[in-house]
Each structure stands twice: as C-alpha cells, then as structure tokens.
Amino acid sequence: MSKRLQVVIPDDEFARVHEAARVQGITTSEWVRRVLRQAERVVSTGDPDAKLAAIRAAARHAFPTGDIDEMLGDIERGYTQGAE
C-alpha cells in the first residue's frame, strides 16, 4: 500500500529539484523517492557504542592471513577450476 506525502518547499528549491529530475529523465516524484531511499541508507540506526564494541572485539583477534596477491590468485584459480 502506498501513502501520499506532501512536502512544502520554496519555489526556488522546487525548481532545482525539478531540474535535477529532468536532467535524469525521471519525474520529480521519482527523484524525490530515490533521494529519500538514499538518505535512509545513510542514516545510522544502531547503537554507536555497540558498533564500536564489535569493532574493538574483532580487532583483538589475530587470524592467519597471506599476501594479498597470493590470496587473490587462489580465489581466481578457484573460479577457473569450478568452471571446468
């Protein structure tokens, strides 16, 4: 189900939004929906302390690793071996 949203903005701001949509070849409504979706992805909804705690916990671990070029080569060989 869809809901209608009315946002009141000054004429000059609307003109800029309308022009941005026109340049992209989409309606003003579609442009606004896309911008809202993008803004939603940027907004952090989690607890910053919990996120920092998770990063700090992960940083305390020491896992074996190899040279990046060697690892990428192993990955590529895995892709080509699976294709045979």
PDB file of N, CA and C in Angstrom:
ATOM      1  N   MET A   1       0.837  -1.164   0.000  1.00  0.00           N
ATOM      2  CA  MET A   1       0.000   0.000   0.000  1.00  0.00           C
ATOM      3  C   MET A   1       0.893   1.240   0.000  1.00  0.00           C
ATOM      4  N   SER A   2       0.511   2.223  -0.745  1.00  0.00           N
ATOM      5  CA  SER A   2       1.278   3.464  -0.839  1.00  0.00           C
ATOM      6  C   SER A   2       0.612   4.562  -0.034  1.00  0.00           C
ATOM      7  N   LYS A   3       1.422   5.480   0.424  1.00  0.00           N
ATOM      8  CA  LYS A   3       0.942   6.650   1.156  1.00  0.00           C
ATOM      9  C   LYS A   3       1.383   7.898   0.415  1.00  0.00           C
ATOM     10  N   ARG A   4       0.581   8.904   0.470  1.00  0.00           N
ATOM     11  CA  ARG A   4       0.906  10.180  -0.152  1.00  0.00           C
ATOM     12  C   ARG A   4       1.627  11.043   0.881  1.00  0.00           C
ATOM     13  N   LEU A   5       2.702  11.696   0.463  1.00  0.00           N
ATOM     14  CA  LEU A   5       3.479  12.569   1.333  1.00  0.00           C
ATOM     15  C   LEU A   5       3.535  13.947   0.688  1.00  0.00           C
ATOM     16  N   GLN A   6       3.146  14.943   1.428  1.00  0.00           N
ATOM     17  CA  GLN A   6       3.214  16.308   0.915  1.00  0.00           C
ATOM     18  C   GLN A   6       4.320  17.049   1.658  1.00  0.00           C
ATOM     19  N   VAL A   7       5.239  17.608   0.891  1.00  0.00           N
ATOM     20  CA  VAL A   7       6.342  18.362   1.457  1.00  0.00           C
ATOM     21  C   VAL A   7       6.298  19.753   0.849  1.00  0.00           C
ATOM     22  N   VAL A   8       6.231  20.759   1.688  1.00  0.00           N
ATOM     23  CA  VAL A   8       6.168  22.137   1.211  1.00  0.00           C
ATOM     24  C   VAL A   8       7.583  22.706   1.193  1.00  0.00           C
ATOM     25  N   ILE A   9       8.017  23.154   0.005  1.00  0.00           N
ATOM     26  CA  ILE A   9       9.347  23.753  -0.137  1.00  0.00           C
ATOM     27  C   ILE A   9       9.207  25.045  -0.935  1.00  0.00           C
ATOM     28  N   PRO A  10      10.148  25.953  -0.769  1.00  0.00           N
ATOM     29  CA  PRO A  10      10.096  27.213  -1.518  1.00  0.00           C
ATOM     30  C   PRO A  10      10.194  26.973  -3.027  1.00  0.00           C
ATOM     31  N   ASP A  11       9.677  27.907  -3.789  1.00  0.00           N
ATOM     32  CA  ASP A  11       9.653  27.778  -5.250  1.00  0.00           C
ATOM     33  C   ASP A  11      11.039  27.562  -5.840  1.00  0.00           C
ATOM     34  N   ASP A  12      12.039  28.292  -5.349  1.00  0.00           N
ATOM     35  CA  ASP A  12      13.379  28.149  -5.919  1.00  0.00           C
ATOM     36  C   ASP A  12      13.965  26.770  -5.649  1.00  0.00           C
ATOM     37  N   GLU A  13      13.684  26.212  -4.484  1.00  0.00           N
ATOM     38  CA  GLU A  13      14.160  24.859  -4.171  1.00  0.00           C
ATOM     39  C   GLU A  13      13.433  23.835  -5.029  1.00  0.00           C
ATOM     40  N   PHE A  14      12.138  24.015  -5.210  1.00  0.00           N
ATOM     41  CA  PHE A  14      11.382  23.101  -6.071  1.00  0.00           C
ATOM     42  C   PHE A  14      11.924  23.137  -7.495  1.00  0.00           C
ATOM     43  N   ALA A  15      12.269  24.321  -7.969  1.00  0.00           N
ATOM     44  CA  ALA A  15      12.808  24.442  -9.324  1.00  0.00           C
ATOM     45  C   ALA A  15      14.097  23.650  -9.471  1.00  0.00           C
ATOM     46  N   ARG A  16      14.965  23.692  -8.448  1.00  0.00           N
ATOM     47  CA  ARG A  16      16.216  22.931  -8.501  1.00  0.00           C
ATOM     48  C   ARG A  16      15.942  21.426  -8.487  1.00  0.00           C
ATOM     49  N   VAL A  17      15.011  20.985  -7.658  1.00  0.00           N
ATOM     50  CA  VAL A  17      14.653  19.567  -7.590  1.00  0.00           C
ATOM     51  C   VAL A  17      14.064  19.116  -8.922  1.00  0.00           C
ATOM     52  N   HIS A  18      13.165  19.923  -9.461  1.00  0.00           N
ATOM     53  CA  HIS A  18      12.523  19.598 -10.738  1.00  0.00           C
ATOM     54  C   HIS A  18      13.567  19.507 -11.858  1.00  0.00           C
ATOM     55  N   GLU A  19      14.523  20.420 -11.865  1.00  0.00           N
ATOM     56  CA  GLU A  19      15.577  20.409 -12.885  1.00  0.00           C
ATOM     57  C   GLU A  19      16.472  19.178 -12.735  1.00  0.00           C
ATOM     58  N   ALA A  20      16.805  18.819 -11.504  1.00  0.00           N
ATOM     59  CA  ALA A  20      17.617  17.622 -11.276  1.00  0.00           C
ATOM     60  C   ALA A  20      16.905  16.386 -11.805  1.00  0.00           C
ATOM     61  N   ALA A  21      15.606  16.311 -11.592  1.00  0.00           N
ATOM     62  CA  ALA A  21      14.825  15.174 -12.099  1.00  0.00           C
ATOM     63  C   ALA A  21      14.782  15.190 -13.621  1.00  0.00           C
ATOM     64  N   ARG A  22      14.581  16.372 -14.209  1.00  0.00           N
ATOM     65  CA  ARG A  22      14.503  16.479 -15.668  1.00  0.00           C
ATOM     66  C   ARG A  22      15.811  16.029 -16.313  1.00  0.00           C
ATOM     67  N   VAL A  23      16.937  16.434 -15.725  1.00  0.00           N
ATOM     68  CA  VAL A  23      18.249  16.060 -16.264  1.00  0.00           C
ATOM     69  C   VAL A  23      18.418  14.542 -16.251  1.00  0.00           C
ATOM     70  N   GLN A  24      17.894  13.887 -15.236  1.00  0.00           N
ATOM     71  CA  GLN A  24      17.998  12.430 -15.135  1.00  0.00           C
ATOM     72  C   GLN A  24      16.903  11.712 -15.918  1.00  0.00           C
ATOM     73  N   GLY A  25      15.970  12.463 -16.475  1.00  0.00           N
ATOM     74  CA  GLY A  25      14.915  11.858 -17.287  1.00  0.00           C
ATOM     75  C   GLY A  25      13.863  11.128 -16.476  1.00  0.00           C
ATOM     76  N   ILE A  26      13.622  11.592 -15.248  1.00  0.00           N
ATOM     77  CA  ILE A  26      12.621  10.962 -14.397  1.00  0.00           C
ATOM     78  C   ILE A  26      11.676  12.035 -13.856  1.00  0.00           C
ATOM     79  N   THR A  27      10.570  11.604 -13.299  1.00  0.00           N
ATOM     80  CA  THR A  27       9.634  12.560 -12.717  1.00  0.00           C
ATOM     81  C   THR A  27      10.210  13.132 -11.427  1.00  0.00           C
ATOM     82  N   THR A  28       9.681  14.267 -11.053  1.00  0.00           N
ATOM     83  CA  THR A  28      10.097  14.883  -9.793  1.00  0.00           C
ATOM     84  C   THR A  28       9.798  13.940  -8.629  1.00  0.00           C
ATOM     85  N   SER A  29       8.637  13.286  -8.664  1.00  0.00           N
ATOM     86  CA  SER A  29       8.274  12.351  -7.594  1.00  0.00           C
ATOM     87  C   SER A  29       9.265  11.210  -7.487  1.00  0.00           C
ATOM     88  N   GLU A  30       9.671  10.648  -8.635  1.00  0.00           N
ATOM     89  CA  GLU A  30      10.634   9.543  -8.617  1.00  0.00           C
ATOM     90  C   GLU A  30      11.983  10.023  -8.096  1.00  0.00           C
ATOM     91  N   TRP A  31      12.400  11.223  -8.487  1.00  0.00           N
ATOM     92  CA  TRP A  31      13.659  11.777  -8.000  1.00  0.00           C
ATOM     93  C   TRP A  31      13.633  11.895  -6.482  1.00  0.00           C
ATOM     94  N   VAL A  32      12.546  12.418  -5.950  1.00  0.00           N
ATOM     95  CA  VAL A  32      12.417  12.581  -4.501  1.00  0.00           C
ATOM     96  C   VAL A  32      12.425  11.221  -3.810  1.00  0.00           C
ATOM     97  N   ARG A  33      11.719  10.224  -4.368  1.00  0.00           N
ATOM     98  CA  ARG A  33      11.724   8.884  -3.764  1.00  0.00           C
ATOM     99  C   ARG A  33      13.137   8.311  -3.709  1.00  0.00           C
ATOM    100  N   ARG A  34      13.886   8.474  -4.791  1.00  0.00           N
ATOM    101  CA  ARG A  34      15.252   7.946  -4.829  1.00  0.00           C
ATOM    102  C   ARG A  34      16.136   8.637  -3.792  1.00  0.00           C
ATOM    103  N   VAL A  35      16.011   9.948  -3.690  1.00  0.00           N
ATOM    104  CA  VAL A  35      16.817  10.690  -2.725  1.00  0.00           C
ATOM    105  C   VAL A  35      16.455  10.286  -1.299  1.00  0.00           C
ATOM    106  N   LEU A  36      15.172  10.076  -1.037  1.00  0.00           N
ATOM    107  CA  LEU A  36      14.754   9.639   0.293  1.00  0.00           C
ATOM    108  C   LEU A  36      15.312   8.250   0.613  1.00  0.00           C
ATOM    109  N   ARG A  37      15.288   7.342  -0.364  1.00  0.00           N
ATOM    110  CA  ARG A  37      15.847   5.996  -0.145  1.00  0.00           C
ATOM    111  C   ARG A  37      17.342   6.070   0.151  1.00  0.00           C
ATOM    112  N   GLN A  38      18.039   6.917  -0.613  1.00  0.00           N
ATOM    113  CA  GLN A  38      19.471   7.078  -0.401  1.00  0.00           C
ATOM    114  C   GLN A  38      19.745   7.652   0.986  1.00  0.00           C
ATOM    115  N   ALA A  39      18.990   8.632   1.399  1.00  0.00           N
ATOM    116  CA  ALA A  39      19.171   9.238   2.727  1.00  0.00           C
ATOM    117  C   ALA A  39      18.890   8.218   3.820  1.00  0.00           C
ATOM    118  N   GLU A  40      17.913   7.368   3.603  1.00  0.00           N
ATOM    119  CA  GLU A  40      17.569   6.341   4.590  1.00  0.00           C
ATOM    120  C   GLU A  40      18.731   5.372   4.803  1.00  0.00           C
ATOM    121  N   ARG A  41      19.441   5.043   3.721  1.00  0.00           N
ATOM    122  CA  ARG A  41      20.580   4.121   3.832  1.00  0.00           C
ATOM    123  C   ARG A  41      21.742   4.748   4.578  1.00  0.00           C
ATOM    124  N   VAL A  42      21.863   6.062   4.521  1.00  0.00           N
ATOM    125  CA  VAL A  42      22.992   6.758   5.144  1.00  0.00           C
ATOM    126  C   VAL A  42      22.793   6.914   6.645  1.00  0.00           C
ATOM    127  N   VAL A  43      21.550   7.032   7.070  1.00  0.00           N
ATOM    128  CA  VAL A  43      21.260   7.280   8.483  1.00  0.00           C
ATOM    129  C   VAL A  43      21.553   6.029   9.296  1.00  0.00           C
ATOM    130  N   SER A  44      22.347   6.199  10.341  1.00  0.00           N
ATOM    131  CA  SER A  44      22.687   5.084  11.211  1.00  0.00           C
ATOM    132  C   SER A  44      21.564   4.872  12.217  1.00  0.00           C
ATOM    133  N   THR A  45      21.094   3.643  12.316  1.00  0.00           N
ATOM    134  CA  THR A  45      20.005   3.346  13.242  1.00  0.00           C
ATOM    135  C   THR A  45      20.457   2.526  14.445  1.00  0.00           C
ATOM    136  N   GLY A  46      21.701   2.100  14.429  1.00  0.00           N
ATOM    137  CA  GLY A  46      22.187   1.262  15.518  1.00  0.00           C
ATOM    138  C   GLY A  46      22.814   2.066  16.639  1.00  0.00           C
ATOM    139  N   ASP A  47      23.067   1.391  17.721  1.00  0.00           N
ATOM    140  CA  ASP A  47      23.704   1.991  18.881  1.00  0.00           C
ATOM    141  C   ASP A  47      25.187   2.147  18.589  1.00  0.00           C
ATOM    142  N   PRO A  48      25.714   3.386  18.584  1.00  0.00           N
ATOM    143  CA  PRO A  48      27.122   3.578  18.256  1.00  0.00           C
ATOM    144  C   PRO A  48      28.067   2.857  19.218  1.00  0.00           C
ATOM    145  N   ASP A  49      27.702   2.782  20.489  1.00  0.00           N
ATOM    146  CA  ASP A  49      28.563   2.096  21.451  1.00  0.00           C
ATOM    147  C   ASP A  49      28.650   0.602  21.145  1.00  0.00           C
ATOM    148  N   ALA A  50      27.536   0.009  20.746  1.00  0.00           N
ATOM    149  CA  ALA A  50      27.534  -1.417  20.399  1.00  0.00           C
ATOM    150  C   ALA A  50      28.375  -1.666  19.147  1.00  0.00           C
ATOM    151  N   LYS A  51      28.276  -0.761  18.174  1.00  0.00           N
ATOM    152  CA  LYS A  51      29.073  -0.915  16.957  1.00  0.00           C
ATOM    153  C   LYS A  51      30.562  -0.809  17.258  1.00  0.00           C
ATOM    154  N   LEU A  52      30.927   0.179  18.075  1.00  0.00           N
ATOM    155  CA  LEU A  52      32.336   0.329  18.442  1.00  0.00           C
ATOM    156  C   LEU A  52      32.838  -0.874  19.237  1.00  0.00           C
ATOM    157  N   ALA A  53      32.016  -1.409  20.108  1.00  0.00           N
ATOM    158  CA  ALA A  53      32.406  -2.591  20.881  1.00  0.00           C
ATOM    159  C   ALA A  53      32.653  -3.776  19.957  1.00  0.00           C
ATOM    160  N   ALA A  54      31.823  -3.941  18.945  1.00  0.00           N
ATOM    161  CA  ALA A  54      32.005  -5.040  17.994  1.00  0.00           C
ATOM    162  C   ALA A  54      33.297  -4.871  17.206  1.00  0.00           C
ATOM    163  N   ILE A  55      33.604  -3.660  16.796  1.00  0.00           N
ATOM    164  CA  ILE A  55      34.841  -3.406  16.049  1.00  0.00           C
ATOM    165  C   ILE A  55      36.054  -3.672  16.934  1.00  0.00           C
ATOM    166  N   ARG A  56      35.987  -3.207  18.185  1.00  0.00           N
ATOM    167  CA  ARG A  56      37.111  -3.434  19.098  1.00  0.00           C
ATOM    168  C   ARG A  56      37.311  -4.921  19.379  1.00  0.00           C
ATOM    169  N   ALA A  57      36.218  -5.660  19.534  1.00  0.00           N
ATOM    170  CA  ALA A  57      36.322  -7.104  19.777  1.00  0.00           C
ATOM    171  C   ALA A  57      36.944  -7.800  18.573  1.00  0.00           C
ATOM    172  N   ALA A  58      36.546  -7.412  17.381  1.00  0.00           N
ATOM    173  CA  ALA A  58      37.099  -8.024  16.172  1.00  0.00           C
ATOM    174  C   ALA A  58      38.583  -7.698  16.027  1.00  0.00           C
ATOM    175  N   ALA A  59      38.968  -6.494  16.415  1.00  0.00           N
ATOM    176  CA  ALA A  59      40.366  -6.083  16.284  1.00  0.00           C
ATOM    177  C   ALA A  59      41.281  -6.842  17.238  1.00  0.00           C
ATOM    178  N   ARG A  60      40.728  -7.414  18.297  1.00  0.00           N
ATOM    179  CA  ARG A  60      41.557  -8.171  19.256  1.00  0.00           C
ATOM    180  C   ARG A  60      41.953  -9.544  18.715  1.00  0.00           C
ATOM    181  N   HIS A  61      41.280 -10.025  17.687  1.00  0.00           N
ATOM    182  CA  HIS A  61      41.586 -11.348  17.135  1.00  0.00           C
ATOM    183  C   HIS A  61      42.781 -11.270  16.186  1.00  0.00           C
ATOM    184  N   ALA A  62      43.486 -12.340  16.100  1.00  0.00           N
ATOM    185  CA  ALA A  62      44.607 -12.446  15.174  1.00  0.00           C
ATOM    186  C   ALA A  62      44.411 -13.718  14.358  1.00  0.00           C
ATOM    187  N   PHE A  63      44.053 -13.567  13.128  1.00  0.00           N
ATOM    188  CA  PHE A  63      43.829 -14.707  12.247  1.00  0.00           C
ATOM    189  C   PHE A  63      44.969 -14.795  11.248  1.00  0.00           C
ATOM    190  N   PRO A  64      45.306 -16.010  10.839  1.00  0.00           N
ATOM    191  CA  PRO A  64      46.365 -16.141   9.844  1.00  0.00           C
ATOM    192  C   PRO A  64      45.894 -15.584   8.505  1.00  0.00           C
ATOM    193  N   THR A  65      46.800 -14.972   7.822  1.00  0.00           N
ATOM    194  CA  THR A  65      46.482 -14.429   6.506  1.00  0.00           C
ATOM    195  C   THR A  65      47.718 -14.552   5.634  1.00  0.00           C
ATOM    196  N   GLY A  66      47.566 -14.258   4.389  1.00  0.00           N
ATOM    197  CA  GLY A  66      48.693 -14.355   3.472  1.00  0.00           C
ATOM    198  C   GLY A  66      48.846 -13.076   2.687  1.00  0.00           C
ATOM    199  N   ASP A  67      49.746 -13.104   1.764  1.00  0.00           N
ATOM    200  CA  ASP A  67      49.974 -11.981   0.871  1.00  0.00           C
ATOM    201  C   ASP A  67      48.716 -11.764   0.028  1.00  0.00           C
ATOM    202  N   ILE A  68      48.296 -10.522  -0.146  1.00  0.00           N
ATOM    203  CA  ILE A  68      47.056 -10.233  -0.862  1.00  0.00           C
ATOM    204  C   ILE A  68      47.088 -10.754  -2.297  1.00  0.00           C
ATOM    205  N   ASP A  69      48.213 -10.619  -2.979  1.00  0.00           N
ATOM    206  CA  ASP A  69      48.299 -11.112  -4.360  1.00  0.00           C
ATOM    207  C   ASP A  69      48.157 -12.631  -4.409  1.00  0.00           C
ATOM    208  N   GLU A  70      48.734 -13.304  -3.423  1.00  0.00           N
ATOM    209  CA  GLU A  70      48.621 -14.765  -3.355  1.00  0.00           C
ATOM    210  C   GLU A  70      47.166 -15.176  -3.092  1.00  0.00           C
ATOM    211  N   MET A  71      46.519 -14.483  -2.177  1.00  0.00           N
ATOM    212  CA  MET A  71      45.121 -14.813  -1.874  1.00  0.00           C
ATOM    213  C   MET A  71      44.218 -14.563  -3.085  1.00  0.00           C
ATOM    214  N   LEU A  72      44.431 -13.456  -3.786  1.00  0.00           N
ATOM    215  CA  LEU A  72      43.622 -13.164  -4.972  1.00  0.00           C
ATOM    216  C   LEU A  72      43.859 -14.214  -6.057  1.00  0.00           C
ATOM    217  N   GLY A  73      45.113 -14.658  -6.177  1.00  0.00           N
ATOM    218  CA  GLY A  73      45.416 -15.726  -7.135  1.00  0.00           C
ATOM    219  C   GLY A  73      44.693 -17.014  -6.784  1.00  0.00           C
ATOM    220  N   ASP A  74      44.663 -17.352  -5.496  1.00  0.00           N
ATOM    221  CA  ASP A  74      43.943 -18.548  -5.052  1.00  0.00           C
ATOM    222  C   ASP A  74      42.455 -18.443  -5.386  1.00  0.00           C
ATOM    223  N   ILE A  75      41.904 -17.273  -5.165  1.00  0.00           N
ATOM    224  CA  ILE A  75      40.479 -17.063  -5.475  1.00  0.00           C
ATOM    225  C   ILE A  75      40.237 -17.247  -6.957  1.00  0.00           C
ATOM    226  N   GLU A  76      41.065 -16.621  -7.784  1.00  0.00           N
ATOM    227  CA  GLU A  76      40.901 -16.742  -9.237  1.00  0.00           C
ATOM    228  C   GLU A  76      41.021 -18.193  -9.691  1.00  0.00           C
ATOM    229  N   ARG A  77      41.995 -18.915  -9.147  1.00  0.00           N
ATOM    230  CA  ARG A  77      42.135 -20.322  -9.519  1.00  0.00           C
ATOM    231  C   ARG A  77      40.899 -21.124  -9.108  1.00  0.00           C
ATOM    232  N   GLY A  78      40.311 -20.777  -7.983  1.00  0.00           N
ATOM    233  CA  GLY A  78      39.100 -21.452  -7.546  1.00  0.00           C
ATOM    234  C   GLY A  78      37.943 -21.228  -8.515  1.00  0.00           C
ATOM    235  N   TYR A  79      37.857 -20.005  -9.049  1.00  0.00           N
ATOM    236  CA  TYR A  79      36.799 -19.716 -10.031  1.00  0.00           C
ATOM    237  C   TYR A  79      37.012 -20.527 -11.313  1.00  0.00           C
ATOM    238  N   THR A  80      38.237 -20.568 -11.796  1.00  0.00           N
ATOM    239  CA  THR A  80      38.502 -21.258 -13.069  1.00  0.00           C
ATOM    240  C   THR A  80      38.412 -22.771 -12.907  1.00  0.00           C
ATOM    241  N   GLN A  81      38.797 -23.313 -11.769  1.00  0.00           N
ATOM    242  CA  GLN A  81      38.686 -24.753 -11.555  1.00  0.00           C
ATOM    243  C   GLN A  81      37.239 -25.183 -11.476  1.00  0.00           C
ATOM    244  N   GLY A  82      36.380 -24.336 -10.931  1.00  0.00           N
ATOM    245  CA  GLY A  82      34.968 -24.664 -10.833  1.00  0.00           C
ATOM    246  C   GLY A  82      34.258 -24.621 -12.158  1.00  0.00           C
ATOM    247  N   ALA A  83      34.846 -23.940 -13.154  1.00  0.00           N
ATOM    248  CA  ALA A  83      34.208 -23.790 -14.459  1.00  0.00           C
ATOM    249  C   ALA A  83      34.501 -24.955 -15.378  1.00  0.00           C
ATOM    250  N   GLU A  84      35.409 -25.831 -14.995  1.00  0.00           N
ATOM    251  CA  GLU A  84      35.800 -26.937 -15.876  1.00  0.00           C
ATOM    252  C   GLU A  84      34.776 -28.029 -15.910  1.00  0.00           C
TER     253      GLU A  84
END
